[in-house]
């Protein structure tokens, strides 16, 4: 069983309403959280069966994701996750550092007690998974994304959040390479420390420190993934 098929097993059955929109949301979640890897194929029939819907709403959702560049249709009509090149990954990482660093800075300046509660819960969940023996890479990536989202939501900039989300949609499957290559790196690779610094900075309203912590977190993952050599050079 491929990882994409296994990931589909986690999707809930859907009610027969706004099906294409709901299928799109679930597929986005799989991509953003990195639960499918670059180059993996997605069967429209398998997606439909996993969600309890026909192929038609799945096809509509896939067409939207293809338009966003999150999926691609190969010459043989197979739908798959694009394989990102190293230069494109490096470029997206640099853009993420600027955009997400700015979002973290704004979050530190504008956060509310409600924001801090969500951020704290997300950090605790990620840390618990990180220190667990034999952590689940897919769950770890999803929890990492939730923590970042919780911080950026505190910035109160929905347009920026949307732009960040679109980048995560493209880069999520690649980030999966980081933790799948070495799941134990969760506890030793620095992410827990970077997150702790970012959360503390947001709590203390230290925008510069929040921005720096997020930038280092993204840069650290970028350098590790590029060093793996798994991304094609062009």
C-alpha atoms as a PDB file:
ATOM      1  CA  UNK A   1       0.000   0.000   0.000  1.00  0.00           C
ATOM      2  CA  UNK A   2       1.423   3.397  -0.974  1.00  0.00           C
ATOM      3  CA  UNK A   3       1.692   6.244   1.539  1.00  0.00           C
ATOM      4  CA  UNK A   4      -0.950   8.198  -0.354  1.00  0.00           C
ATOM      5  CA  UNK A   5      -3.413   5.284  -0.085  1.00  0.00           C
ATOM      6  CA  UNK A   6      -2.667   4.931   3.619  1.00  0.00           C
ATOM      7  CA  UNK A   7      -3.159   8.662   4.140  1.00  0.00           C
ATOM      8  CA  UNK A   8      -6.530   8.515   2.364  1.00  0.00           C
ATOM      9  CA  UNK A   9      -7.709   5.977   4.931  1.00  0.00           C
ATOM     10  CA  UNK A  10      -7.645   8.768   7.526  1.00  0.00           C
ATOM     11  CA  UNK A  11     -10.180  10.888   5.630  1.00  0.00           C
ATOM     12  CA  UNK A  12     -13.745  10.998   7.014  1.00  0.00           C
ATOM     13  CA  UNK A  13     -16.858  10.005   5.105  1.00  0.00           C
ATOM     14  CA  UNK A  14     -18.677  13.025   3.695  1.00  0.00           C
ATOM     15  CA  UNK A  15     -22.280  14.085   3.569  1.00  0.00           C
ATOM     16  CA  UNK A  16     -23.615  14.661   0.060  1.00  0.00           C
ATOM     17  CA  UNK A  17     -23.425  18.460   0.074  1.00  0.00           C
ATOM     18  CA  UNK A  18     -20.855  20.919  -1.210  1.00  0.00           C
ATOM     19  CA  UNK A  19     -18.881  17.813  -2.092  1.00  0.00           C
ATOM     20  CA  UNK A  20     -16.297  19.328  -4.409  1.00  0.00           C
ATOM     21  CA  UNK A  21     -15.485  22.064  -1.883  1.00  0.00           C
ATOM     22  CA  UNK A  22     -15.134  19.562   0.933  1.00  0.00           C
ATOM     23  CA  UNK A  23     -13.032  17.151  -1.115  1.00  0.00           C
ATOM     24  CA  UNK A  24     -10.801  20.069  -2.086  1.00  0.00           C
ATOM     25  CA  UNK A  25     -10.341  21.005   1.573  1.00  0.00           C
ATOM     26  CA  UNK A  26      -9.378  17.460   2.556  1.00  0.00           C
ATOM     27  CA  UNK A  27      -6.921  17.069  -0.311  1.00  0.00           C
ATOM     28  CA  UNK A  28      -5.378  20.438   0.543  1.00  0.00           C
ATOM     29  CA  UNK A  29      -4.938  19.207   4.099  1.00  0.00           C
ATOM     30  CA  UNK A  30      -3.120  16.087   2.898  1.00  0.00           C
ATOM     31  CA  UNK A  31      -0.771  18.196   0.779  1.00  0.00           C
ATOM     32  CA  UNK A  32      -0.121  20.987   3.270  1.00  0.00           C
ATOM     33  CA  UNK A  33       0.592  18.514   6.074  1.00  0.00           C
ATOM     34  CA  UNK A  34       2.971  16.563   3.860  1.00  0.00           C
ATOM     35  CA  UNK A  35       1.104  13.275   4.178  1.00  0.00           C
ATOM     36  CA  UNK A  36       1.772  12.578   0.507  1.00  0.00           C
ATOM     37  CA  UNK A  37       5.261  12.791  -0.948  1.00  0.00           C
ATOM     38  CA  UNK A  38       6.584  14.330  -4.180  1.00  0.00           C
ATOM     39  CA  UNK A  39       5.972  12.037  -7.136  1.00  0.00           C
ATOM     40  CA  UNK A  40       3.200  10.054  -5.436  1.00  0.00           C
ATOM     41  CA  UNK A  41       0.160   9.259  -7.530  1.00  0.00           C
ATOM     42  CA  UNK A  42      -3.409   9.943  -6.442  1.00  0.00           C
ATOM     43  CA  UNK A  43      -6.191   7.712  -7.675  1.00  0.00           C
ATOM     44  CA  UNK A  44      -9.429   9.655  -8.157  1.00  0.00           C
ATOM     45  CA  UNK A  45     -11.366   6.472  -7.499  1.00  0.00           C
ATOM     46  CA  UNK A  46      -9.445   5.785  -4.284  1.00  0.00           C
ATOM     47  CA  UNK A  47     -10.043   9.339  -3.060  1.00  0.00           C
ATOM     48  CA  UNK A  48     -13.748   9.017  -3.809  1.00  0.00           C
ATOM     49  CA  UNK A  49     -13.989   5.703  -1.996  1.00  0.00           C
ATOM     50  CA  UNK A  50     -12.115   7.056   1.020  1.00  0.00           C
ATOM     51  CA  UNK A  51     -14.513  10.002   1.283  1.00  0.00           C
ATOM     52  CA  UNK A  52     -17.649   8.130   0.264  1.00  0.00           C
ATOM     53  CA  UNK A  53     -18.315  10.224  -2.836  1.00  0.00           C
ATOM     54  CA  UNK A  54     -18.368   9.703  -6.588  1.00  0.00           C
ATOM     55  CA  UNK A  55     -15.437  10.522  -8.835  1.00  0.00           C
ATOM     56  CA  UNK A  56     -17.064  13.721 -10.154  1.00  0.00           C
ATOM     57  CA  UNK A  57     -16.495  15.987  -7.093  1.00  0.00           C
ATOM     58  CA  UNK A  58     -13.024  14.507  -6.720  1.00  0.00           C
ATOM     59  CA  UNK A  59     -12.233  15.430 -10.313  1.00  0.00           C
ATOM     60  CA  UNK A  60     -13.458  18.999  -9.723  1.00  0.00           C
ATOM     61  CA  UNK A  61     -11.316  19.336  -6.607  1.00  0.00           C
ATOM     62  CA  UNK A  62      -8.269  17.930  -8.377  1.00  0.00           C
ATOM     63  CA  UNK A  63      -8.709  20.368 -11.265  1.00  0.00           C
ATOM     64  CA  UNK A  64      -8.559  23.267  -8.778  1.00  0.00           C
ATOM     65  CA  UNK A  65      -5.410  21.887  -7.172  1.00  0.00           C
ATOM     66  CA  UNK A  66      -3.804  21.400 -10.584  1.00  0.00           C
ATOM     67  CA  UNK A  67      -4.580  25.047 -11.364  1.00  0.00           C
ATOM     68  CA  UNK A  68      -2.854  26.016  -8.083  1.00  0.00           C
ATOM     69  CA  UNK A  69       0.213  23.971  -9.020  1.00  0.00           C
ATOM     70  CA  UNK A  70      -0.295  21.646  -6.048  1.00  0.00           C
ATOM     71  CA  UNK A  71      -1.005  18.622  -8.267  1.00  0.00           C
ATOM     72  CA  UNK A  72      -0.160  17.833 -11.853  1.00  0.00           C
ATOM     73  CA  UNK A  73      -1.502  15.594 -14.580  1.00  0.00           C
ATOM     74  CA  UNK A  74       1.202  13.492 -16.227  1.00  0.00           C
ATOM     75  CA  UNK A  75       1.134  12.752 -19.983  1.00  0.00           C
ATOM     76  CA  UNK A  76      -0.484   9.383 -19.225  1.00  0.00           C
ATOM     77  CA  UNK A  77      -3.303  11.244 -17.412  1.00  0.00           C
ATOM     78  CA  UNK A  78      -2.087  10.114 -14.009  1.00  0.00           C
ATOM     79  CA  UNK A  79      -2.621  12.681 -11.237  1.00  0.00           C
ATOM     80  CA  UNK A  80       0.428  13.067  -9.035  1.00  0.00           C
ATOM     81  CA  UNK A  81       2.186  15.328  -6.571  1.00  0.00           C
ATOM     82  CA  UNK A  82       4.743  17.452  -8.472  1.00  0.00           C
ATOM     83  CA  UNK A  83       8.435  16.788  -7.930  1.00  0.00           C
ATOM     84  CA  UNK A  84       9.982  20.097  -6.899  1.00  0.00           C
ATOM     85  CA  UNK A  85      13.495  20.984  -8.044  1.00  0.00           C
ATOM     86  CA  UNK A  86      16.144  22.146  -5.607  1.00  0.00           C
ATOM     87  CA  UNK A  87      16.296  25.714  -7.036  1.00  0.00           C
ATOM     88  CA  UNK A  88      12.519  26.128  -6.761  1.00  0.00           C
ATOM     89  CA  UNK A  89      12.520  24.752  -3.212  1.00  0.00           C
ATOM     90  CA  UNK A  90      15.312  27.156  -2.265  1.00  0.00           C
ATOM     91  CA  UNK A  91      13.392  30.054  -3.801  1.00  0.00           C
ATOM     92  CA  UNK A  92      10.155  29.178  -2.005  1.00  0.00           C
ATOM     93  CA  UNK A  93      12.060  28.823   1.268  1.00  0.00           C
ATOM     94  CA  UNK A  94      13.502  32.316   0.914  1.00  0.00           C
ATOM     95  CA  UNK A  95      10.060  33.762   0.226  1.00  0.00           C
ATOM     96  CA  UNK A  96       8.665  31.858   3.214  1.00  0.00           C
ATOM     97  CA  UNK A  97      11.352  33.282   5.470  1.00  0.00           C
ATOM     98  CA  UNK A  98      10.309  36.822   4.563  1.00  0.00           C
ATOM     99  CA  UNK A  99       6.544  36.298   4.601  1.00  0.00           C
ATOM    100  CA  UNK A 100       6.307  34.028   7.623  1.00  0.00           C
ATOM    101  CA  UNK A 101       8.889  36.012   9.536  1.00  0.00           C
ATOM    102  CA  UNK A 102       6.808  39.151   8.998  1.00  0.00           C
ATOM    103  CA  UNK A 103       3.655  37.291  10.061  1.00  0.00           C
ATOM    104  CA  UNK A 104       5.358  36.154  13.268  1.00  0.00           C
ATOM    105  CA  UNK A 105       6.530  39.700  13.976  1.00  0.00           C
ATOM    106  CA  UNK A 106       2.990  41.036  13.547  1.00  0.00           C
ATOM    107  CA  UNK A 107       1.630  38.200  15.679  1.00  0.00           C
ATOM    108  CA  UNK A 108       3.885  39.247  18.548  1.00  0.00           C
ATOM    109  CA  UNK A 109       2.547  42.786  18.307  1.00  0.00           C
ATOM    110  CA  UNK A 110      -1.159  41.898  17.986  1.00  0.00           C
ATOM    111  CA  UNK A 111      -1.771  38.571  19.743  1.00  0.00           C
ATOM    112  CA  UNK A 112      -4.652  38.177  22.186  1.00  0.00           C
ATOM    113  CA  UNK A 113      -5.117  35.729  25.088  1.00  0.00           C
ATOM    114  CA  UNK A 114      -7.213  33.578  22.753  1.00  0.00           C
ATOM    115  CA  UNK A 115      -4.374  33.467  20.231  1.00  0.00           C
ATOM    116  CA  UNK A 116      -1.890  32.526  22.938  1.00  0.00           C
ATOM    117  CA  UNK A 117      -4.130  29.673  24.075  1.00  0.00           C
ATOM    118  CA  UNK A 118      -4.227  28.199  20.569  1.00  0.00           C
ATOM    119  CA  UNK A 119      -0.501  28.713  20.060  1.00  0.00           C
ATOM    120  CA  UNK A 120       0.315  27.102  23.396  1.00  0.00           C
ATOM    121  CA  UNK A 121      -1.847  24.066  22.679  1.00  0.00           C
ATOM    122  CA  UNK A 122      -0.270  23.639  19.237  1.00  0.00           C
ATOM    123  CA  UNK A 123       3.248  23.882  20.628  1.00  0.00           C
ATOM    124  CA  UNK A 124       2.480  21.329  23.347  1.00  0.00           C
ATOM    125  CA  UNK A 125       1.048  18.872  20.812  1.00  0.00           C
ATOM    126  CA  UNK A 126       4.062  19.193  18.514  1.00  0.00           C
ATOM    127  CA  UNK A 127       6.531  18.848  21.367  1.00  0.00           C
ATOM    128  CA  UNK A 128       4.769  15.737  22.686  1.00  0.00           C
ATOM    129  CA  UNK A 129       5.045  14.101  19.258  1.00  0.00           C
ATOM    130  CA  UNK A 130       8.647  15.236  18.812  1.00  0.00           C
ATOM    131  CA  UNK A 131       9.955  13.619  21.999  1.00  0.00           C
ATOM    132  CA  UNK A 132       7.956  10.415  21.581  1.00  0.00           C
ATOM    133  CA  UNK A 133       9.982   7.355  20.660  1.00  0.00           C
ATOM    134  CA  UNK A 134       9.291   6.524  17.023  1.00  0.00           C
ATOM    135  CA  UNK A 135       7.303   9.676  16.188  1.00  0.00           C
ATOM    136  CA  UNK A 136       4.811   9.596  13.309  1.00  0.00           C
ATOM    137  CA  UNK A 137       6.388  11.783  10.580  1.00  0.00           C
ATOM    138  CA  UNK A 138       3.057  12.603   8.922  1.00  0.00           C
ATOM    139  CA  UNK A 139       1.478  13.643  12.205  1.00  0.00           C
ATOM    140  CA  UNK A 140       4.571  15.641  13.136  1.00  0.00           C
ATOM    141  CA  UNK A 141       4.430  17.602   9.880  1.00  0.00           C
ATOM    142  CA  UNK A 142       0.719  18.278  10.412  1.00  0.00           C
ATOM    143  CA  UNK A 143       1.320  19.467  13.985  1.00  0.00           C
ATOM    144  CA  UNK A 144       4.204  21.644  12.817  1.00  0.00           C
ATOM    145  CA  UNK A 145       1.901  23.249  10.264  1.00  0.00           C
ATOM    146  CA  UNK A 146      -0.793  23.824  12.885  1.00  0.00           C
ATOM    147  CA  UNK A 147       1.679  25.600  15.169  1.00  0.00           C
ATOM    148  CA  UNK A 148       2.865  27.866  12.374  1.00  0.00           C
ATOM    149  CA  UNK A 149      -0.752  28.571  11.380  1.00  0.00           C
ATOM    150  CA  UNK A 150      -1.680  29.400  14.965  1.00  0.00           C
ATOM    151  CA  UNK A 151       1.125  31.953  15.168  1.00  0.00           C
ATOM    152  CA  UNK A 152       0.323  33.551  11.819  1.00  0.00           C
ATOM    153  CA  UNK A 153      -3.390  33.763  12.608  1.00  0.00           C
ATOM    154  CA  UNK A 154      -2.482  36.038  15.511  1.00  0.00           C
ATOM    155  CA  UNK A 155      -1.088  38.565  13.019  1.00  0.00           C
ATOM    156  CA  UNK A 156      -4.617  39.442  11.919  1.00  0.00           C
ATOM    157  CA  UNK A 157      -3.608  39.608   8.248  1.00  0.00           C
ATOM    158  CA  UNK A 158      -5.886  37.212   6.324  1.00  0.00           C
ATOM    159  CA  UNK A 159      -4.421  38.134   2.929  1.00  0.00           C
ATOM    160  CA  UNK A 160      -0.936  37.255   4.167  1.00  0.00           C
ATOM    161  CA  UNK A 161      -2.273  34.039   5.708  1.00  0.00           C
ATOM    162  CA  UNK A 162      -3.744  33.060   2.352  1.00  0.00           C
ATOM    163  CA  UNK A 163      -0.448  33.681   0.554  1.00  0.00           C
ATOM    164  CA  UNK A 164       1.456  31.670   3.156  1.00  0.00           C
ATOM    165  CA  UNK A 165      -1.066  28.855   2.860  1.00  0.00           C
ATOM    166  CA  UNK A 166      -0.561  28.714  -0.904  1.00  0.00           C
ATOM    167  CA  UNK A 167       3.178  28.280  -0.403  1.00  0.00           C
ATOM    168  CA  UNK A 168       2.624  25.558   2.191  1.00  0.00           C
ATOM    169  CA  UNK A 169       0.370  23.823  -0.321  1.00  0.00           C
ATOM    170  CA  UNK A 170       3.307  23.605  -2.718  1.00  0.00           C
ATOM    171  CA  UNK A 171       6.042  22.848  -0.213  1.00  0.00           C
ATOM    172  CA  UNK A 172       4.217  20.543   2.221  1.00  0.00           C
ATOM    173  CA  UNK A 173       5.094  17.307   0.399  1.00  0.00           C
ATOM    174  CA  UNK A 174       8.766  18.354   0.277  1.00  0.00           C
ATOM    175  CA  UNK A 175       8.873  19.181   3.988  1.00  0.00           C
ATOM    176  CA  UNK A 176       7.777  15.591   4.508  1.00  0.00           C
ATOM    177  CA  UNK A 177      11.206  14.515   3.229  1.00  0.00           C
ATOM    178  CA  UNK A 178      12.829  16.134   6.257  1.00  0.00           C
ATOM    179  CA  UNK A 179      11.093  14.039   8.889  1.00  0.00           C
ATOM    180  CA  UNK A 180      10.707  10.851   6.870  1.00  0.00           C
ATOM    181  CA  UNK A 181      14.455  10.769   6.275  1.00  0.00           C
ATOM    182  CA  UNK A 182      15.147  10.884  10.003  1.00  0.00           C
ATOM    183  CA  UNK A 183      12.102  10.985  12.333  1.00  0.00           C
ATOM    184  CA  UNK A 184      14.352  11.190  15.394  1.00  0.00           C
ATOM    185  CA  UNK A 185      15.602  14.569  14.103  1.00  0.00           C
ATOM    186  CA  UNK A 186      12.401  16.004  15.560  1.00  0.00           C
ATOM    187  CA  UNK A 187      13.922  16.041  19.015  1.00  0.00           C
ATOM    188  CA  UNK A 188      17.489  16.866  17.983  1.00  0.00           C
ATOM    189  CA  UNK A 189      17.188  18.932  14.812  1.00  0.00           C
ATOM    190  CA  UNK A 190      16.277  22.231  16.429  1.00  0.00           C
ATOM    191  CA  UNK A 191      12.588  22.579  15.524  1.00  0.00           C
ATOM    192  CA  UNK A 192      11.448  22.212  19.136  1.00  0.00           C
ATOM    193  CA  UNK A 193      13.890  24.911  20.203  1.00  0.00           C
ATOM    194  CA  UNK A 194      12.998  27.261  17.353  1.00  0.00           C
ATOM    195  CA  UNK A 195       9.313  26.825  18.142  1.00  0.00           C
ATOM    196  CA  UNK A 196       9.862  27.491  21.837  1.00  0.00           C
ATOM    197  CA  UNK A 197      11.742  30.694  21.012  1.00  0.00           C
ATOM    198  CA  UNK A 198       9.036  31.828  18.593  1.00  0.00           C
ATOM    199  CA  UNK A 199       6.224  31.142  21.054  1.00  0.00           C
ATOM    200  CA  UNK A 200       8.074  32.874  23.881  1.00  0.00           C
ATOM    201  CA  UNK A 201       8.732  35.899  21.674  1.00  0.00           C
ATOM    202  CA  UNK A 202       5.076  36.131  20.655  1.00  0.00           C
ATOM    203  CA  UNK A 203       4.031  35.840  24.285  1.00  0.00           C
ATOM    204  CA  UNK A 204       6.489  38.585  25.287  1.00  0.00           C
ATOM    205  CA  UNK A 205       5.514  40.798  22.315  1.00  0.00           C
ATOM    206  CA  UNK A 206       9.061  40.674  20.974  1.00  0.00           C
ATOM    207  CA  UNK A 207       8.475  40.958  17.235  1.00  0.00           C
ATOM    208  CA  UNK A 208      12.128  40.875  16.182  1.00  0.00           C
ATOM    209  CA  UNK A 209      12.806  37.702  18.157  1.00  0.00           C
ATOM    210  CA  UNK A 210       9.674  36.019  16.797  1.00  0.00           C
ATOM    211  CA  UNK A 211      10.712  36.841  13.251  1.00  0.00           C
ATOM    212  CA  UNK A 212      14.243  35.542  13.806  1.00  0.00           C
ATOM    213  CA  UNK A 213      13.066  32.261  15.350  1.00  0.00           C
ATOM    214  CA  UNK A 214      10.694  31.500  12.473  1.00  0.00           C
ATOM    215  CA  UNK A 215      13.361  32.406   9.908  1.00  0.00           C
ATOM    216  CA  UNK A 216      15.862  30.050  11.547  1.00  0.00           C
ATOM    217  CA  UNK A 217      13.273  27.271  11.725  1.00  0.00           C
ATOM    218  CA  UNK A 218      12.537  27.508   7.996  1.00  0.00           C
ATOM    219  CA  UNK A 219      16.207  27.894   7.091  1.00  0.00           C
ATOM    220  CA  UNK A 220      17.235  24.910   9.178  1.00  0.00           C
ATOM    221  CA  UNK A 221      14.704  22.625   7.465  1.00  0.00           C
ATOM    222  CA  UNK A 222      15.698  24.030   4.060  1.00  0.00           C
ATOM    223  CA  UNK A 223      19.377  23.292   4.592  1.00  0.00           C
ATOM    224  CA  UNK A 224      18.706  19.761   5.840  1.00  0.00           C
ATOM    225  CA  UNK A 225      16.438  18.873   2.913  1.00  0.00           C
ATOM    226  CA  UNK A 226      18.847  20.281   0.337  1.00  0.00           C
ATOM    227  CA  UNK A 227      21.714  18.360   1.960  1.00  0.00           C
ATOM    228  CA  UNK A 228      19.767  15.112   1.541  1.00  0.00           C
ATOM    229  CA  UNK A 229      20.174  15.514  -2.208  1.00  0.00           C
ATOM    230  CA  UNK A 230      16.760  14.074  -2.971  1.00  0.00           C
ATOM    231  CA  UNK A 231      15.510  17.037  -4.999  1.00  0.00           C
ATOM    232  CA  UNK A 232      16.456  17.136  -8.688  1.00  0.00           C
ATOM    233  CA  UNK A 233      18.896  19.938  -9.583  1.00  0.00           C
ATOM    234  CA  UNK A 234      16.652  21.256 -12.362  1.00  0.00           C
END
